[in-house]
PDB file of all heavy atoms in Angstrom:
ATOM      1  N   LEU A   1       0.855  -1.180   0.000  1.00  0.00           N
ATOM      2  CA  LEU A   1       0.000   0.000   0.000  1.00  0.00           C
ATOM      3  C   LEU A   1       0.896   1.237   0.000  1.00  0.00           C
ATOM      4  O   LEU A   1       1.862   1.315   0.756  1.00  0.00           O
ATOM      5  CB  LEU A   1      -0.909   0.021   1.227  1.00  0.00           C
ATOM      6  CG  LEU A   1      -2.058  -0.984   1.246  1.00  0.00           C
ATOM      7  CD1 LEU A   1      -2.723  -0.988   2.623  1.00  0.00           C
ATOM      8  CD2 LEU A   1      -3.074  -0.645   0.163  1.00  0.00           C
ATOM      9  N   SER A   2       0.573   2.216  -0.842  1.00  0.00           N
ATOM     10  CA  SER A   2       1.394   3.428  -0.894  1.00  0.00           C
ATOM     11  C   SER A   2       1.311   4.222   0.405  1.00  0.00           C
ATOM     12  O   SER A   2       2.267   4.886   0.797  1.00  0.00           O
ATOM     13  CB  SER A   2       0.968   4.303  -2.075  1.00  0.00           C
ATOM     14  OG  SER A   2       1.277   3.661  -3.300  1.00  0.00           O
ATOM     15  N   GLU A   3       0.167   4.151   1.062  1.00  0.00           N
ATOM     16  CA  GLU A   3      -0.003   4.831   2.347  1.00  0.00           C
ATOM     17  C   GLU A   3      -0.408   3.803   3.401  1.00  0.00           C
ATOM     18  O   GLU A   3      -1.469   3.198   3.314  1.00  0.00           O
ATOM     19  CB  GLU A   3      -1.083   5.917   2.251  1.00  0.00           C
ATOM     20  CG  GLU A   3      -0.784   7.011   1.247  1.00  0.00           C
ATOM     21  CD  GLU A   3       0.377   7.897   1.672  1.00  0.00           C
ATOM     22  OE1 GLU A   3       0.649   7.971   2.900  1.00  0.00           O
ATOM     23  OE2 GLU A   3       1.021   8.502   0.802  1.00  0.00           O
ATOM     24  N   ASN A   4       0.455   3.599   4.367  1.00  0.00           N
ATOM     25  CA  ASN A   4       0.174   2.666   5.460  1.00  0.00           C
ATOM     26  C   ASN A   4       0.956   3.118   6.691  1.00  0.00           C
ATOM     27  O   ASN A   4       1.914   2.472   7.129  1.00  0.00           O
ATOM     28  CB  ASN A   4       0.573   1.249   5.051  1.00  0.00           C
ATOM     29  CG  ASN A   4       0.024   0.209   6.003  1.00  0.00           C
ATOM     30  OD1 ASN A   4      -0.577   0.538   7.024  1.00  0.00           O
ATOM     31  ND2 ASN A   4       0.228  -1.059   5.689  1.00  0.00           N
ATOM     32  N   PRO A   5       0.578   4.294   7.244  1.00  0.00           N
ATOM     33  CA  PRO A   5       1.385   4.908   8.316  1.00  0.00           C
ATOM     34  C   PRO A   5       1.528   4.052   9.565  1.00  0.00           C
ATOM     35  O   PRO A   5       2.483   4.231  10.319  1.00  0.00           O
ATOM     36  CB  PRO A   5       0.626   6.216   8.613  1.00  0.00           C
ATOM     37  CG  PRO A   5      -0.757   5.992   8.088  1.00  0.00           C
ATOM     38  CD  PRO A   5      -0.607   5.075   6.915  1.00  0.00           C
ATOM     39  N   GLU A   6       0.604   3.119   9.794  1.00  0.00           N
ATOM     40  CA  GLU A   6       0.744   2.258  10.975  1.00  0.00           C
ATOM     41  C   GLU A   6       1.901   1.271  10.825  1.00  0.00           C
ATOM     42  O   GLU A   6       2.442   0.780  11.815  1.00  0.00           O
ATOM     43  CB  GLU A   6      -0.553   1.475  11.232  1.00  0.00           C
ATOM     44  CG  GLU A   6      -1.742   2.318  11.661  1.00  0.00           C
ATOM     45  CD  GLU A   6      -2.443   2.957  10.477  1.00  0.00           C
ATOM     46  OE1 GLU A   6      -2.167   2.540   9.323  1.00  0.00           O
ATOM     47  OE2 GLU A   6      -3.255   3.874  10.702  1.00  0.00           O
ATOM     48  N   GLN A   7       2.271   0.969   9.582  1.00  0.00           N
ATOM     49  CA  GLN A   7       3.304  -0.026   9.333  1.00  0.00           C
ATOM     50  C   GLN A   7       4.639   0.580   8.895  1.00  0.00           C
ATOM     51  O   GLN A   7       5.700   0.071   9.235  1.00  0.00           O
ATOM     52  CB  GLN A   7       2.825  -1.017   8.256  1.00  0.00           C
ATOM     53  CG  GLN A   7       1.570  -1.784   8.644  1.00  0.00           C
ATOM     54  CD  GLN A   7       1.792  -2.694   9.834  1.00  0.00           C
ATOM     55  OE1 GLN A   7       2.859  -3.284   9.981  1.00  0.00           O
ATOM     56  NE2 GLN A   7       0.799  -2.782  10.716  1.00  0.00           N
ATOM     57  N   TYR A   8       4.592   1.651   8.090  1.00  0.00           N
ATOM     58  CA  TYR A   8       5.833   2.249   7.581  1.00  0.00           C
ATOM     59  C   TYR A   8       5.578   3.677   7.124  1.00  0.00           C
ATOM     60  O   TYR A   8       4.447   4.079   6.860  1.00  0.00           O
ATOM     61  CB  TYR A   8       6.408   1.424   6.422  1.00  0.00           C
ATOM     62  CG  TYR A   8       5.379   0.967   5.404  1.00  0.00           C
ATOM     63  CD1 TYR A   8       4.898   1.826   4.410  1.00  0.00           C
ATOM     64  CD2 TYR A   8       4.883  -0.327   5.437  1.00  0.00           C
ATOM     65  CE1 TYR A   8       3.950   1.413   3.489  1.00  0.00           C
ATOM     66  CE2 TYR A   8       3.933  -0.767   4.519  1.00  0.00           C
ATOM     67  CZ  TYR A   8       3.486   0.112   3.541  1.00  0.00           C
ATOM     68  OH  TYR A   8       2.548  -0.304   2.631  1.00  0.00           O
ATOM     69  N   GLU A   9       6.676   4.453   7.043  1.00  0.00           N
ATOM     70  CA  GLU A   9       6.579   5.853   6.631  1.00  0.00           C
ATOM     71  C   GLU A   9       6.600   5.998   5.123  1.00  0.00           C
ATOM     72  O   GLU A   9       5.932   6.875   4.562  1.00  0.00           O
ATOM     73  CB  GLU A   9       7.728   6.666   7.237  1.00  0.00           C
ATOM     74  CG  GLU A   9       7.653   6.807   8.746  1.00  0.00           C
ATOM     75  CD  GLU A   9       8.759   7.678   9.291  1.00  0.00           C
ATOM     76  OE1 GLU A   9       9.470   8.324   8.482  1.00  0.00           O
ATOM     77  OE2 GLU A   9       8.929   7.719  10.517  1.00  0.00           O
ATOM     78  N   ASP A  10       7.376   5.168   4.430  1.00  0.00           N
ATOM     79  CA  ASP A  10       7.530   5.288   2.983  1.00  0.00           C
ATOM     80  C   ASP A  10       7.468   3.904   2.342  1.00  0.00           C
ATOM     81  O   ASP A  10       8.234   3.004   2.712  1.00  0.00           O
ATOM     82  CB  ASP A  10       8.864   5.966   2.647  1.00  0.00           C
ATOM     83  CG  ASP A  10       9.025   6.182   1.154  1.00  0.00           C
ATOM     84  OD1 ASP A  10       8.570   7.228   0.663  1.00  0.00           O
ATOM     85  OD2 ASP A  10       9.605   5.298   0.491  1.00  0.00           O
ATOM     86  N   ALA A  11       6.545   3.745   1.387  1.00  0.00           N
ATOM     87  CA  ALA A  11       6.327   2.428   0.785  1.00  0.00           C
ATOM     88  C   ALA A  11       7.527   1.952  -0.029  1.00  0.00           C
ATOM     89  O   ALA A  11       7.876   0.768  -0.004  1.00  0.00           O
ATOM     90  CB  ALA A  11       5.080   2.459  -0.091  1.00  0.00           C
ATOM     91  N   ALA A  12       8.164   2.860  -0.771  1.00  0.00           N
ATOM     92  CA  ALA A  12       9.299   2.453  -1.607  1.00  0.00           C
ATOM     93  C   ALA A  12      10.453   1.933  -0.751  1.00  0.00           C
ATOM     94  O   ALA A  12      11.035   0.878  -1.029  1.00  0.00           O
ATOM     95  CB  ALA A  12       9.749   3.632  -2.473  1.00  0.00           C
ATOM     96  N   ILE A  13      10.778   2.665   0.300  1.00  0.00           N
ATOM     97  CA  ILE A  13      11.863   2.247   1.184  1.00  0.00           C
ATOM     98  C   ILE A  13      11.500   0.950   1.900  1.00  0.00           C
ATOM     99  O   ILE A  13      12.330   0.045   2.041  1.00  0.00           O
ATOM    100  CB  ILE A  13      12.190   3.361   2.197  1.00  0.00           C
ATOM    101  CG1 ILE A  13      12.790   4.557   1.460  1.00  0.00           C
ATOM    102  CG2 ILE A  13      13.139   2.850   3.276  1.00  0.00           C
ATOM    103  CD1 ILE A  13      13.062   5.754   2.333  1.00  0.00           C
ATOM    104  N   GLN A  14      10.240   0.848   2.323  1.00  0.00           N
ATOM    105  CA  GLN A  14       9.814  -0.380   3.005  1.00  0.00           C
ATOM    106  C   GLN A  14       9.888  -1.571   2.062  1.00  0.00           C
ATOM    107  O   GLN A  14      10.251  -2.685   2.467  1.00  0.00           O
ATOM    108  CB  GLN A  14       8.391  -0.225   3.547  1.00  0.00           C
ATOM    109  CG  GLN A  14       7.932  -1.403   4.387  1.00  0.00           C
ATOM    110  CD  GLN A  14       8.785  -1.594   5.629  1.00  0.00           C
ATOM    111  OE1 GLN A  14       9.185  -0.617   6.268  1.00  0.00           O
ATOM    112  NE2 GLN A  14       9.076  -2.844   5.973  1.00  0.00           N
ATOM    113  N   GLY A  15       9.524  -1.361   0.789  1.00  0.00           N
ATOM    114  CA  GLY A  15       9.612  -2.442  -0.185  1.00  0.00           C
ATOM    115  C   GLY A  15      11.031  -2.941  -0.348  1.00  0.00           C
ATOM    116  O   GLY A  15      11.280  -4.153  -0.415  1.00  0.00           O
ATOM    117  N   ILE A  16      11.981  -2.020  -0.400  1.00  0.00           N
ATOM    118  CA  ILE A  16      13.389  -2.403  -0.494  1.00  0.00           C
ATOM    119  C   ILE A  16      13.808  -3.172   0.762  1.00  0.00           C
ATOM    120  O   ILE A  16      14.474  -4.205   0.677  1.00  0.00           O
ATOM    121  CB  ILE A  16      14.273  -1.149  -0.683  1.00  0.00           C
ATOM    122  CG1 ILE A  16      14.008  -0.530  -2.057  1.00  0.00           C
ATOM    123  CG2 ILE A  16      15.753  -1.503  -0.532  1.00  0.00           C
ATOM    124  CD1 ILE A  16      14.717   0.794  -2.279  1.00  0.00           C
ATOM    125  N   ARG A  17      13.387  -2.678   1.914  1.00  0.00           N
ATOM    126  CA  ARG A  17      13.733  -3.345   3.166  1.00  0.00           C
ATOM    127  C   ARG A  17      13.154  -4.758   3.205  1.00  0.00           C
ATOM    128  O   ARG A  17      13.835  -5.711   3.620  1.00  0.00           O
ATOM    129  CB  ARG A  17      13.231  -2.530   4.356  1.00  0.00           C
ATOM    130  CG  ARG A  17      13.874  -1.159   4.504  1.00  0.00           C
ATOM    131  CD  ARG A  17      13.342  -0.424   5.722  1.00  0.00           C
ATOM    132  NE  ARG A  17      13.655  -1.151   6.933  1.00  0.00           N
ATOM    133  CZ  ARG A  17      14.821  -1.083   7.569  1.00  0.00           C
ATOM    134  NH1 ARG A  17      15.770  -0.291   7.096  1.00  0.00           N
ATOM    135  NH2 ARG A  17      15.037  -1.778   8.657  1.00  0.00           N
ATOM    136  N   ASP A  18      11.897  -4.902   2.760  1.00  0.00           N
ATOM    137  CA  ASP A  18      11.259  -6.218   2.780  1.00  0.00           C
ATOM    138  C   ASP A  18      11.975  -7.202   1.860  1.00  0.00           C
ATOM    139  O   ASP A  18      12.207  -8.365   2.220  1.00  0.00           O
ATOM    140  CB  ASP A  18       9.792  -6.096   2.366  1.00  0.00           C
ATOM    141  CG  ASP A  18       8.938  -5.423   3.431  1.00  0.00           C
ATOM    142  OD1 ASP A  18       9.423  -5.237   4.559  1.00  0.00           O
ATOM    143  OD2 ASP A  18       7.782  -5.061   3.112  1.00  0.00           O
ATOM    144  N   VAL A  19      12.311  -6.742   0.664  1.00  0.00           N
ATOM    145  CA  VAL A  19      12.972  -7.619  -0.305  1.00  0.00           C
ATOM    146  C   VAL A  19      14.339  -8.063   0.213  1.00  0.00           C
ATOM    147  O   VAL A  19      14.748  -9.224   0.046  1.00  0.00           O
ATOM    148  CB  VAL A  19      13.109  -6.910  -1.670  1.00  0.00           C
ATOM    149  CG1 VAL A  19      14.036  -7.705  -2.595  1.00  0.00           C
ATOM    150  CG2 VAL A  19      11.743  -6.737  -2.325  1.00  0.00           C
ATOM    151  N   LEU A  20      15.041  -7.144   0.878  1.00  0.00           N
ATOM    152  CA  LEU A  20      16.363  -7.474   1.405  1.00  0.00           C
ATOM    153  C   LEU A  20      16.298  -8.256   2.718  1.00  0.00           C
ATOM    154  O   LEU A  20      17.318  -8.718   3.219  1.00  0.00           O
ATOM    155  CB  LEU A  20      17.179  -6.195   1.617  1.00  0.00           C
ATOM    156  CG  LEU A  20      17.559  -5.426   0.355  1.00  0.00           C
ATOM    157  CD1 LEU A  20      18.295  -4.145   0.719  1.00  0.00           C
ATOM    158  CD2 LEU A  20      18.403  -6.291  -0.574  1.00  0.00           C
ATOM    159  N   GLY A  21      15.078  -8.399   3.279  1.00  0.00           N
ATOM    160  CA  GLY A  21      14.908  -9.156   4.515  1.00  0.00           C
ATOM    161  C   GLY A  21      15.499  -8.472   5.726  1.00  0.00           C
ATOM    162  O   GLY A  21      16.001  -9.140   6.649  1.00  0.00           O
ATOM    163  N   LEU A  22      15.422  -7.154   5.766  1.00  0.00           N
ATOM    164  CA  LEU A  22      15.996  -6.396   6.869  1.00  0.00           C
ATOM    165  C   LEU A  22      15.040  -6.365   8.060  1.00  0.00           C
ATOM    166  O   LEU A  22      13.819  -6.303   7.883  1.00  0.00           O
ATOM    167  CB  LEU A  22      16.316  -4.966   6.432  1.00  0.00           C
ATOM    168  CG  LEU A  22      17.287  -4.836   5.253  1.00  0.00           C
ATOM    169  CD1 LEU A  22      17.464  -3.379   4.875  1.00  0.00           C
ATOM    170  CD2 LEU A  22      18.637  -5.463   5.601  1.00  0.00           C
ATOM    171  N   THR A  23      15.587  -6.356   9.235  1.00  0.00           N
ATOM    172  CA  THR A  23      14.774  -6.258  10.450  1.00  0.00           C
ATOM    173  C   THR A  23      14.505  -4.787  10.750  1.00  0.00           C
ATOM    174  O   THR A  23      15.239  -3.910  10.271  1.00  0.00           O
ATOM    175  CB  THR A  23      15.508  -6.904  11.636  1.00  0.00           C
ATOM    176  OG1 THR A  23      16.765  -6.224  11.829  1.00  0.00           O
ATOM    177  CG2 THR A  23      15.749  -8.372  11.372  1.00  0.00           C
ATOM    178  N   PRO A  24      13.456  -4.493  11.539  1.00  0.00           N
ATOM    179  CA  PRO A  24      13.160  -3.101  11.878  1.00  0.00           C
ATOM    180  C   PRO A  24      14.370  -2.416  12.518  1.00  0.00           C
ATOM    181  O   PRO A  24      15.009  -2.959  13.413  1.00  0.00           O
ATOM    182  CB  PRO A  24      12.000  -3.222  12.873  1.00  0.00           C
ATOM    183  CG  PRO A  24      11.330  -4.504  12.509  1.00  0.00           C
ATOM    184  CD  PRO A  24      12.444  -5.416  12.082  1.00  0.00           C
ATOM    185  N   GLY A  25      14.696  -1.233  12.008  1.00  0.00           N
ATOM    186  CA  GLY A  25      15.825  -0.483  12.542  1.00  0.00           C
ATOM    187  C   GLY A  25      17.154  -0.798  11.882  1.00  0.00           C
ATOM    188  O   GLY A  25      18.128  -0.064  12.049  1.00  0.00           O
ATOM    189  N   GLN A  26      17.213  -1.899  11.127  1.00  0.00           N
ATOM    190  CA  GLN A  26      18.467  -2.268  10.470  1.00  0.00           C
ATOM    191  C   GLN A  26      18.688  -1.368   9.255  1.00  0.00           C
ATOM    192  O   GLN A  26      17.780  -1.121   8.469  1.00  0.00           O
ATOM    193  CB  GLN A  26      18.420  -3.735  10.034  1.00  0.00           C
ATOM    194  CG  GLN A  26      19.746  -4.257   9.481  1.00  0.00           C
ATOM    195  CD  GLN A  26      19.661  -5.736   9.135  1.00  0.00           C
ATOM    196  OE1 GLN A  26      18.647  -6.392   9.398  1.00  0.00           O
ATOM    197  NE2 GLN A  26      20.717  -6.274   8.555  1.00  0.00           N
ATOM    198  N   ALA A  27      19.905  -0.857   9.093  1.00  0.00           N
ATOM    199  CA  ALA A  27      20.217   0.065   8.002  1.00  0.00           C
ATOM    200  C   ALA A  27      20.225  -0.655   6.655  1.00  0.00           C
ATOM    201  O   ALA A  27      20.592  -1.832   6.564  1.00  0.00           O
ATOM    202  CB  ALA A  27      21.574   0.718   8.249  1.00  0.00           C
ATOM    203  N   ILE A  28      19.815   0.068   5.614  1.00  0.00           N
ATOM    204  CA  ILE A  28      19.866  -0.477   4.255  1.00  0.00           C
ATOM    205  C   ILE A  28      21.322  -0.468   3.797  1.00  0.00           C
ATOM    206  O   ILE A  28      21.979   0.578   3.829  1.00  0.00           O
ATOM    207  CB  ILE A  28      19.000   0.363   3.297  1.00  0.00           C
ATOM    208  CG1 ILE A  28      17.519   0.258   3.688  1.00  0.00           C
ATOM    209  CG2 ILE A  28      19.199  -0.078   1.851  1.00  0.00           C
ATOM    210  CD1 ILE A  28      16.590   1.121   2.866  1.00  0.00           C
ATOM    211  N   PRO A  29      21.851  -1.605   3.360  1.00  0.00           N
ATOM    212  CA  PRO A  29      23.266  -1.669   2.950  1.00  0.00           C
ATOM    213  C   PRO A  29      23.469  -1.042   1.562  1.00  0.00           C
ATOM    214  O   PRO A  29      23.346  -1.711   0.537  1.00  0.00           O
ATOM    215  CB  PRO A  29      23.545  -3.179   2.929  1.00  0.00           C
ATOM    216  CG  PRO A  29      22.215  -3.795   2.641  1.00  0.00           C
ATOM    217  CD  PRO A  29      21.187  -2.916   3.283  1.00  0.00           C
ATOM    218  N   GLU A  30      23.796   0.248   1.544  1.00  0.00           N
ATOM    219  CA  GLU A  30      23.922   0.967   0.277  1.00  0.00           C
ATOM    220  C   GLU A  30      24.993   0.380  -0.634  1.00  0.00           C
ATOM    221  O   GLU A  30      24.876   0.440  -1.862  1.00  0.00           O
ATOM    222  CB  GLU A  30      24.235   2.440   0.553  1.00  0.00           C
ATOM    223  CG  GLU A  30      23.120   3.168   1.306  1.00  0.00           C
ATOM    224  CD  GLU A  30      23.464   4.619   1.574  1.00  0.00           C
ATOM    225  OE1 GLU A  30      24.421   5.119   0.938  1.00  0.00           O
ATOM    226  OE2 GLU A  30      22.801   5.248   2.405  1.00  0.00           O
ATOM    227  N   ASP A  31      26.035  -0.189  -0.047  1.00  0.00           N
ATOM    228  CA  ASP A  31      27.126  -0.735  -0.852  1.00  0.00           C
ATOM    229  C   ASP A  31      26.713  -1.985  -1.625  1.00  0.00           C
ATOM    230  O   ASP A  31      27.429  -2.428  -2.517  1.00  0.00           O
ATOM    231  CB  ASP A  31      28.339  -1.039   0.030  1.00  0.00           C
ATOM    232  CG  ASP A  31      28.016  -2.049   1.134  1.00  0.00           C
ATOM    233  OD1 ASP A  31      26.872  -2.033   1.627  1.00  0.00           O
ATOM    234  OD2 ASP A  31      28.911  -2.843   1.481  1.00  0.00           O
ATOM    235  N   LYS A  32      25.553  -2.558  -1.278  1.00  0.00           N
ATOM    236  CA  LYS A  32      25.084  -3.750  -1.989  1.00  0.00           C
ATOM    237  C   LYS A  32      23.998  -3.432  -3.012  1.00  0.00           C
ATOM    238  O   LYS A  32      23.423  -4.339  -3.611  1.00  0.00           O
ATOM    239  CB  LYS A  32      24.559  -4.772  -0.984  1.00  0.00           C
ATOM    240  CG  LYS A  32      25.644  -5.316  -0.051  1.00  0.00           C
ATOM    241  CD  LYS A  32      25.108  -6.397   0.874  1.00  0.00           C
ATOM    242  CE  LYS A  32      26.211  -6.942   1.764  1.00  0.00           C
ATOM    243  NZ  LYS A  32      25.709  -7.993   2.687  1.00  0.00           N
ATOM    244  N   ILE A  33      23.713  -2.141  -3.213  1.00  0.00           N
ATOM    245  CA  ILE A  33      22.667  -1.733  -4.160  1.00  0.00           C
ATOM    246  C   ILE A  33      23.296  -0.978  -5.315  1.00  0.00           C
ATOM    247  O   ILE A  33      23.975   0.036  -5.127  1.00  0.00           O
ATOM    248  CB  ILE A  33      21.603  -0.864  -3.457  1.00  0.00           C
ATOM    249  CG1 ILE A  33      20.926  -1.676  -2.350  1.00  0.00           C
ATOM    250  CG2 ILE A  33      20.579  -0.361  -4.458  1.00  0.00           C
ATOM    251  CD1 ILE A  33      19.922  -0.898  -1.541  1.00  0.00           C
ATOM    252  N   ASP A  34      23.057  -1.474  -6.520  1.00  0.00           N
ATOM    253  CA  ASP A  34      23.610  -0.849  -7.719  1.00  0.00           C
ATOM    254  C   ASP A  34      22.741   0.307  -8.193  1.00  0.00           C
ATOM    255  O   ASP A  34      23.244   1.357  -8.577  1.00  0.00           O
ATOM    256  CB  ASP A  34      23.730  -1.894  -8.838  1.00  0.00           C
ATOM    257  CG  ASP A  34      24.182  -1.265 -10.141  1.00  0.00           C
ATOM    258  OD1 ASP A  34      25.231  -0.602 -10.144  1.00  0.00           O
ATOM    259  OD2 ASP A  34      23.479  -1.417 -11.162  1.00  0.00           O
ATOM    260  N   ALA A  35      21.405   0.146  -8.161  1.00  0.00           N
ATOM    261  CA  ALA A  35      20.525   1.186  -8.683  1.00  0.00           C
ATOM    262  C   ALA A  35      19.135   1.062  -8.083  1.00  0.00           C
ATOM    263  O   ALA A  35      18.664  -0.035  -7.801  1.00  0.00           O
ATOM    264  CB  ALA A  35      20.439   1.086 -10.207  1.00  0.00           C
ATOM    265  N   VAL A  36      18.511   2.221  -7.887  1.00  0.00           N
ATOM    266  CA  VAL A  36      17.100   2.297  -7.508  1.00  0.00           C
ATOM    267  C   VAL A  36      16.457   3.283  -8.475  1.00  0.00           C
ATOM    268  O   VAL A  36      16.830   4.452  -8.512  1.00  0.00           O
ATOM    269  CB  VAL A  36      16.907   2.782  -6.055  1.00  0.00           C
ATOM    270  CG1 VAL A  36      15.415   2.920  -5.749  1.00  0.00           C
ATOM    271  CG2 VAL A  36      17.576   1.835  -5.076  1.00  0.00           C
ATOM    272  N   LYS A  37      15.505   2.802  -9.265  1.00  0.00           N
ATOM    273  CA  LYS A  37      14.836   3.665 -10.240  1.00  0.00           C
ATOM    274  C   LYS A  37      13.342   3.662  -9.947  1.00  0.00           C
ATOM    275  O   LYS A  37      12.754   2.597  -9.783  1.00  0.00           O
ATOM    276  CB  LYS A  37      15.111   3.178 -11.665  1.00  0.00           C
ATOM    277  CG  LYS A  37      16.599   3.192 -12.009  1.00  0.00           C
ATOM    278  CD  LYS A  37      16.870   2.725 -13.409  1.00  0.00           C
ATOM    279  CE  LYS A  37      18.359   2.750 -13.700  1.00  0.00           C
ATOM    280  NZ  LYS A  37      18.664   2.306 -15.088  1.00  0.00           N
ATOM    281  N   MET A  38      12.762   4.867  -9.871  1.00  0.00           N
ATOM    282  CA  MET A  38      11.363   4.945  -9.479  1.00  0.00           C
ATOM    283  C   MET A  38      10.588   5.869 -10.403  1.00  0.00           C
ATOM    284  O   MET A  38      11.040   6.945 -10.749  1.00  0.00           O
ATOM    285  CB  MET A  38      11.240   5.427  -8.031  1.00  0.00           C
ATOM    286  CG  MET A  38       9.807   5.421  -7.528  1.00  0.00           C
ATOM    287  SD  MET A  38       9.670   5.640  -5.730  1.00  0.00           S
ATOM    288  CE  MET A  38      10.011   7.385  -5.601  1.00  0.00           C
ATOM    289  N   GLY A  39       9.408   5.410 -10.784  1.00  0.00           N
ATOM    290  CA  GLY A  39       8.454   6.245 -11.508  1.00  0.00           C
ATOM    291  C   GLY A  39       7.223   6.404 -10.638  1.00  0.00           C
ATOM    292  O   GLY A  39       6.899   5.530  -9.835  1.00  0.00           O
ATOM    293  N   THR A  40       6.542   7.539 -10.767  1.00  0.00           N
ATOM    294  CA  THR A  40       5.393   7.774  -9.902  1.00  0.00           C
ATOM    295  C   THR A  40       4.354   8.652 -10.582  1.00  0.00           C
ATOM    296  O   THR A  40       4.689   9.491 -11.421  1.00  0.00           O
ATOM    297  CB  THR A  40       5.840   8.429  -8.583  1.00  0.00           C
ATOM    298  OG1 THR A  40       4.692   8.655  -7.767  1.00  0.00           O
ATOM    299  CG2 THR A  40       6.538   9.748  -8.826  1.00  0.00           C
ATOM    300  N   THR A  41       3.112   8.434 -10.214  1.00  0.00           N
ATOM    301  CA  THR A  41       2.017   9.295 -10.660  1.00  0.00           C
ATOM    302  C   THR A  41       1.534  10.178  -9.520  1.00  0.00           C
ATOM    303  O   THR A  41       0.553  10.899  -9.679  1.00  0.00           O
ATOM    304  CB  THR A  41       0.832   8.442 -11.165  1.00  0.00           C
ATOM    305  OG1 THR A  41       0.383   7.584 -10.102  1.00  0.00           O
ATOM    306  CG2 THR A  41       1.214   7.607 -12.359  1.00  0.00           C
TER     307      THR A  41
END
């Protein structure tokens, strides 16, 4: 869901965190990410 304030602040960042299997509070490992490309309406 693009808006789900009870679960997360930002859907795109949460999606990345979920895919990487990160625990709450764990930093996103930028050195392991080659590119993030986003389109939006």
